[in-house]
């Protein structure tokens, strides 16, 4: 599960402070990965940049929390095509998800 430096430059936003996601304290070394879920396989989600030039495999743990917008959610709510903001920490060689915020475009009228 490799992540290139380019992905970090393209999609990582370093967190300043605590409690920015879901009201929980984030690890000091946590980063936010923002992109689209392009693959779900078991306990791994692949998150890709908008232009699909770079992607990262993120391990979804039993302790990972989920929200759709501001409402609590579960792993079952996560689907390929969802836009996500995933708070991850590095535990070599994996990126472990602490939390996943799912955003979906509103359906066209």
N, C-alpha and C. Protein backbone atom coordinates (compact mmCIF):
# COMPACT_ATOMS: atom_id res chain seq x y z
N UNK A 1 0.84 -1.17 0.00
CA UNK A 1 0.00 0.00 0.00
C UNK A 1 0.89 1.24 0.00
N UNK A 2 1.33 1.59 -1.16
CA UNK A 2 2.26 2.71 -1.30
C UNK A 2 1.51 4.02 -1.49
N UNK A 3 2.09 5.05 -1.02
CA UNK A 3 1.56 6.38 -1.27
C UNK A 3 2.74 7.24 -1.68
N UNK A 4 2.60 7.90 -2.78
CA UNK A 4 3.71 8.70 -3.26
C UNK A 4 3.72 10.06 -2.60
N UNK A 5 4.86 10.68 -2.65
CA UNK A 5 4.97 12.05 -2.13
C UNK A 5 4.04 12.97 -2.89
N UNK A 6 3.83 12.66 -4.17
CA UNK A 6 2.96 13.49 -4.99
C UNK A 6 1.53 13.47 -4.46
N UNK A 7 1.10 12.31 -3.97
CA UNK A 7 -0.24 12.23 -3.39
C UNK A 7 -0.33 13.12 -2.16
N UNK A 8 0.69 13.04 -1.33
CA UNK A 8 0.68 13.89 -0.14
C UNK A 8 0.58 15.36 -0.53
N UNK A 9 1.34 15.75 -1.53
CA UNK A 9 1.30 17.13 -1.97
C UNK A 9 -0.05 17.49 -2.57
N UNK A 10 -0.66 16.55 -3.26
CA UNK A 10 -1.92 16.82 -3.96
C UNK A 10 -3.14 16.79 -3.06
N UNK A 11 -3.18 15.88 -2.07
CA UNK A 11 -4.43 15.72 -1.32
C UNK A 11 -4.32 15.82 0.18
N UNK A 12 -3.15 16.02 0.71
CA UNK A 12 -3.02 16.05 2.17
C UNK A 12 -3.13 17.47 2.68
N UNK A 13 -3.90 17.62 3.71
CA UNK A 13 -3.99 18.89 4.41
C UNK A 13 -3.59 18.61 5.84
N UNK A 14 -2.54 19.26 6.29
CA UNK A 14 -2.09 18.99 7.65
C UNK A 14 -3.03 19.66 8.63
N UNK A 15 -3.33 18.95 9.67
CA UNK A 15 -4.31 19.39 10.65
C UNK A 15 -3.65 20.31 11.67
N UNK A 16 -4.30 21.42 11.90
CA UNK A 16 -3.84 22.34 12.93
C UNK A 16 -4.88 22.31 14.03
N UNK A 17 -4.48 21.99 15.22
CA UNK A 17 -5.41 21.92 16.33
C UNK A 17 -6.00 20.53 16.44
N UNK A 18 -7.03 20.42 17.27
CA UNK A 18 -7.68 19.14 17.50
C UNK A 18 -9.18 19.30 17.41
N UNK A 19 -9.87 18.18 17.29
CA UNK A 19 -11.32 18.20 17.31
C UNK A 19 -11.95 18.75 16.06
N UNK A 20 -11.22 18.81 14.95
CA UNK A 20 -11.78 19.36 13.73
C UNK A 20 -12.69 18.39 13.01
N UNK A 21 -12.55 17.11 13.27
CA UNK A 21 -13.37 16.12 12.59
C UNK A 21 -14.14 15.30 13.61
N UNK A 22 -15.45 15.33 13.51
CA UNK A 22 -16.33 14.50 14.32
C UNK A 22 -16.21 14.78 15.82
N UNK A 23 -15.62 15.92 16.21
CA UNK A 23 -15.53 16.26 17.61
C UNK A 23 -14.58 15.38 18.41
N UNK A 24 -13.74 14.61 17.74
CA UNK A 24 -12.81 13.75 18.46
C UNK A 24 -11.40 14.30 18.29
N UNK A 25 -10.55 13.94 19.21
CA UNK A 25 -9.18 14.39 19.14
C UNK A 25 -8.43 13.56 18.10
N UNK A 26 -7.76 14.27 17.20
CA UNK A 26 -6.98 13.58 16.17
C UNK A 26 -5.56 13.36 16.67
N UNK A 27 -4.94 12.33 16.15
CA UNK A 27 -3.54 12.08 16.47
C UNK A 27 -2.69 13.25 15.98
N UNK A 28 -1.62 13.53 16.68
CA UNK A 28 -0.75 14.65 16.32
C UNK A 28 -0.22 14.51 14.90
N UNK A 29 0.00 13.28 14.45
CA UNK A 29 0.56 13.05 13.12
C UNK A 29 -0.51 12.74 12.07
N UNK A 30 -1.77 13.02 12.37
CA UNK A 30 -2.86 12.73 11.43
C UNK A 30 -2.85 13.71 10.27
N UNK A 31 -3.27 13.21 9.11
CA UNK A 31 -3.46 14.07 7.94
C UNK A 31 -4.83 13.77 7.34
N UNK A 32 -5.32 14.68 6.52
CA UNK A 32 -6.59 14.50 5.83
C UNK A 32 -6.30 14.14 4.38
N UNK A 33 -6.90 13.07 3.90
CA UNK A 33 -6.84 12.71 2.49
C UNK A 33 -8.21 13.02 1.90
N UNK A 34 -8.23 13.80 0.86
CA UNK A 34 -9.49 14.15 0.23
C UNK A 34 -9.48 13.66 -1.20
N UNK A 35 -10.55 13.00 -1.59
CA UNK A 35 -10.64 12.48 -2.94
C UNK A 35 -11.88 11.64 -3.11
N UNK A 36 -11.83 10.76 -4.10
CA UNK A 36 -12.96 9.91 -4.44
C UNK A 36 -12.60 8.45 -4.18
N UNK A 37 -13.56 7.71 -3.62
CA UNK A 37 -13.35 6.27 -3.42
C UNK A 37 -13.46 5.60 -4.79
N UNK A 38 -12.36 4.98 -5.22
CA UNK A 38 -12.35 4.33 -6.54
C UNK A 38 -12.41 2.81 -6.43
N UNK A 39 -12.17 2.28 -5.20
CA UNK A 39 -12.22 0.84 -5.01
C UNK A 39 -12.44 0.53 -3.54
N UNK A 40 -13.26 -0.48 -3.28
CA UNK A 40 -13.45 -1.01 -1.93
C UNK A 40 -13.20 -2.51 -2.00
N UNK A 41 -12.28 -2.99 -1.18
CA UNK A 41 -11.95 -4.41 -1.15
C UNK A 41 -11.68 -4.81 0.29
N UNK A 42 -12.62 -5.53 0.88
CA UNK A 42 -12.46 -5.93 2.28
C UNK A 42 -12.37 -4.74 3.18
N UNK A 43 -11.26 -4.65 3.92
CA UNK A 43 -11.08 -3.53 4.84
C UNK A 43 -10.22 -2.41 4.26
N UNK A 44 -10.12 -2.35 2.93
CA UNK A 44 -9.29 -1.33 2.28
C UNK A 44 -10.12 -0.51 1.29
N UNK A 45 -9.94 0.82 1.39
CA UNK A 45 -10.56 1.73 0.44
C UNK A 45 -9.45 2.43 -0.33
N UNK A 46 -9.59 2.53 -1.64
CA UNK A 46 -8.65 3.28 -2.44
C UNK A 46 -9.24 4.66 -2.68
N UNK A 47 -8.48 5.69 -2.29
CA UNK A 47 -8.92 7.08 -2.44
C UNK A 47 -8.03 7.71 -3.51
N UNK A 48 -8.67 8.30 -4.54
CA UNK A 48 -7.93 8.87 -5.66
C UNK A 48 -8.16 10.37 -5.76
N UNK A 49 -7.16 11.06 -6.30
CA UNK A 49 -7.30 12.49 -6.56
C UNK A 49 -8.37 12.70 -7.63
N UNK A 50 -8.92 13.92 -7.72
CA UNK A 50 -9.98 14.16 -8.69
C UNK A 50 -9.62 13.79 -10.13
N UNK A 51 -8.37 13.95 -10.52
CA UNK A 51 -7.97 13.61 -11.89
C UNK A 51 -7.49 12.16 -12.02
N UNK A 52 -7.61 11.37 -10.93
CA UNK A 52 -7.20 9.97 -10.89
C UNK A 52 -5.72 9.76 -11.20
N UNK A 53 -4.90 10.80 -11.01
CA UNK A 53 -3.47 10.66 -11.29
C UNK A 53 -2.73 9.97 -10.14
N UNK A 54 -3.30 10.02 -8.95
CA UNK A 54 -2.64 9.45 -7.78
C UNK A 54 -3.69 8.86 -6.86
N UNK A 55 -3.33 7.77 -6.18
CA UNK A 55 -4.28 7.17 -5.24
C UNK A 55 -3.54 6.60 -4.03
N UNK A 56 -4.33 6.34 -2.98
CA UNK A 56 -3.77 5.76 -1.76
C UNK A 56 -4.72 4.70 -1.25
N UNK A 57 -4.17 3.60 -0.76
CA UNK A 57 -4.96 2.56 -0.12
C UNK A 57 -5.01 2.86 1.37
N UNK A 58 -6.23 2.91 1.91
CA UNK A 58 -6.46 3.26 3.31
C UNK A 58 -7.13 2.08 4.00
N UNK A 59 -6.59 1.67 5.14
CA UNK A 59 -7.15 0.56 5.90
C UNK A 59 -8.28 1.08 6.79
N UNK A 60 -9.48 0.50 6.60
CA UNK A 60 -10.65 0.84 7.41
C UNK A 60 -10.64 -0.10 8.61
N UNK A 61 -10.48 0.47 9.80
CA UNK A 61 -10.35 -0.31 11.02
C UNK A 61 -11.70 -0.46 11.72
N UNK A 62 -11.81 -1.40 12.64
CA UNK A 62 -13.05 -1.51 13.43
C UNK A 62 -13.34 -0.24 14.22
N UNK A 63 -12.30 0.53 14.55
CA UNK A 63 -12.48 1.76 15.32
C UNK A 63 -12.72 3.00 14.45
N UNK A 64 -12.65 2.85 13.13
CA UNK A 64 -12.88 3.98 12.23
C UNK A 64 -14.31 4.47 12.41
N UNK A 65 -14.48 5.80 12.51
CA UNK A 65 -15.82 6.38 12.60
C UNK A 65 -16.21 6.93 11.23
N UNK A 66 -17.52 6.99 10.98
CA UNK A 66 -18.05 7.41 9.68
C UNK A 66 -19.15 8.44 9.88
N UNK A 67 -19.23 9.38 8.94
CA UNK A 67 -20.33 10.34 8.89
C UNK A 67 -20.68 10.56 7.42
N UNK A 68 -21.96 10.75 7.16
CA UNK A 68 -22.42 11.22 5.86
C UNK A 68 -22.90 12.64 6.12
N UNK A 69 -22.15 13.61 5.63
CA UNK A 69 -22.43 14.99 5.98
C UNK A 69 -22.18 15.15 7.47
N UNK A 70 -23.23 15.50 8.22
CA UNK A 70 -23.08 15.65 9.67
C UNK A 70 -23.72 14.51 10.44
N UNK A 71 -24.33 13.57 9.73
CA UNK A 71 -25.04 12.46 10.38
C UNK A 71 -24.13 11.25 10.56
N UNK A 72 -24.25 10.56 11.70
CA UNK A 72 -23.47 9.35 11.92
C UNK A 72 -23.77 8.31 10.82
N UNK A 73 -22.77 7.54 10.48
CA UNK A 73 -22.91 6.53 9.43
C UNK A 73 -22.11 5.29 9.83
N UNK A 74 -22.09 4.32 8.93
CA UNK A 74 -21.33 3.09 9.15
C UNK A 74 -20.52 2.77 7.90
N UNK A 75 -19.70 1.75 8.01
CA UNK A 75 -18.90 1.30 6.86
C UNK A 75 -19.80 0.95 5.68
N UNK A 76 -20.99 0.44 5.95
CA UNK A 76 -21.92 0.06 4.88
C UNK A 76 -22.38 1.26 4.05
N UNK A 77 -22.27 2.46 4.59
CA UNK A 77 -22.66 3.67 3.85
C UNK A 77 -21.61 4.11 2.85
N UNK A 78 -20.40 3.60 2.96
CA UNK A 78 -19.30 3.98 2.07
C UNK A 78 -19.41 3.21 0.76
N UNK A 79 -19.33 3.94 -0.36
CA UNK A 79 -19.48 3.30 -1.67
C UNK A 79 -18.47 3.89 -2.67
N UNK A 80 -18.15 3.09 -3.68
CA UNK A 80 -17.31 3.57 -4.78
C UNK A 80 -18.02 4.77 -5.40
N UNK A 81 -17.25 5.81 -5.66
CA UNK A 81 -17.79 7.03 -6.24
C UNK A 81 -18.02 8.13 -5.22
N UNK A 82 -18.02 7.77 -3.93
CA UNK A 82 -18.20 8.78 -2.88
C UNK A 82 -16.99 9.70 -2.81
N UNK A 83 -17.26 10.97 -2.57
CA UNK A 83 -16.20 11.92 -2.26
C UNK A 83 -16.00 11.86 -0.75
N UNK A 84 -14.75 11.77 -0.32
CA UNK A 84 -14.47 11.58 1.10
C UNK A 84 -13.36 12.50 1.60
N UNK A 85 -13.38 12.72 2.90
CA UNK A 85 -12.29 13.34 3.63
C UNK A 85 -11.95 12.32 4.70
N UNK A 86 -10.79 11.69 4.56
CA UNK A 86 -10.39 10.61 5.46
C UNK A 86 -9.23 11.10 6.33
N UNK A 87 -9.41 11.01 7.64
CA UNK A 87 -8.31 11.32 8.57
C UNK A 87 -7.53 10.04 8.77
N UNK A 88 -6.24 10.08 8.41
CA UNK A 88 -5.40 8.89 8.48
C UNK A 88 -4.15 9.15 9.31
N UNK A 89 -3.59 8.06 9.83
CA UNK A 89 -2.28 8.09 10.46
C UNK A 89 -1.44 6.99 9.81
N UNK A 90 -0.17 7.23 9.76
CA UNK A 90 0.75 6.26 9.14
C UNK A 90 1.21 5.27 10.20
N UNK A 91 1.01 4.00 9.92
CA UNK A 91 1.58 2.93 10.73
C UNK A 91 2.17 1.97 9.71
N UNK A 92 3.48 2.13 9.49
CA UNK A 92 4.14 1.42 8.39
C UNK A 92 3.74 -0.02 8.32
N UNK A 93 3.44 -0.49 7.12
CA UNK A 93 3.44 0.24 5.85
C UNK A 93 2.06 0.79 5.48
N UNK A 94 1.15 0.89 6.41
CA UNK A 94 -0.24 1.23 6.10
C UNK A 94 -0.64 2.63 6.49
N UNK A 95 -1.69 3.11 5.81
CA UNK A 95 -2.40 4.32 6.20
C UNK A 95 -3.67 3.84 6.87
N UNK A 96 -3.84 4.16 8.17
CA UNK A 96 -4.98 3.70 8.95
C UNK A 96 -6.00 4.82 9.09
N UNK A 97 -7.25 4.52 8.74
CA UNK A 97 -8.30 5.53 8.82
C UNK A 97 -8.79 5.67 10.25
N UNK A 98 -8.78 6.90 10.75
CA UNK A 98 -9.39 7.20 12.04
C UNK A 98 -10.86 7.55 11.83
N UNK A 99 -11.12 8.35 10.80
CA UNK A 99 -12.49 8.76 10.51
C UNK A 99 -12.67 8.99 9.02
N UNK A 100 -13.90 8.81 8.58
CA UNK A 100 -14.25 9.01 7.17
C UNK A 100 -15.49 9.89 7.12
N UNK A 101 -15.38 11.04 6.46
CA UNK A 101 -16.55 11.89 6.24
C UNK A 101 -16.91 11.74 4.76
N UNK A 102 -18.12 11.27 4.52
CA UNK A 102 -18.60 11.01 3.16
C UNK A 102 -19.45 12.19 2.71
N UNK A 103 -19.15 12.71 1.53
CA UNK A 103 -19.99 13.74 0.95
C UNK A 103 -20.44 13.24 -0.40
N UNK A 104 -21.68 13.45 -0.70
CA UNK A 104 -22.23 12.99 -1.98
C UNK A 104 -22.84 14.18 -2.68
N UNK A 105 -22.65 14.29 -3.99
CA UNK A 105 -23.30 15.39 -4.70
C UNK A 105 -24.82 15.24 -4.63
N UNK A 106 -25.51 16.37 -4.55
CA UNK A 106 -26.97 16.32 -4.55
C UNK A 106 -27.46 15.85 -5.91
N UNK A 107 -28.50 15.01 -5.94
CA UNK A 107 -29.02 14.53 -7.21
C UNK A 107 -29.53 15.71 -8.08
N UNK A 108 -29.32 15.60 -9.38
CA UNK A 108 -29.81 16.64 -10.29
C UNK A 108 -31.34 16.60 -10.33
N UNK A 109 -31.93 17.77 -10.44
CA UNK A 109 -33.39 17.86 -10.49
C UNK A 109 -33.89 17.75 -11.91
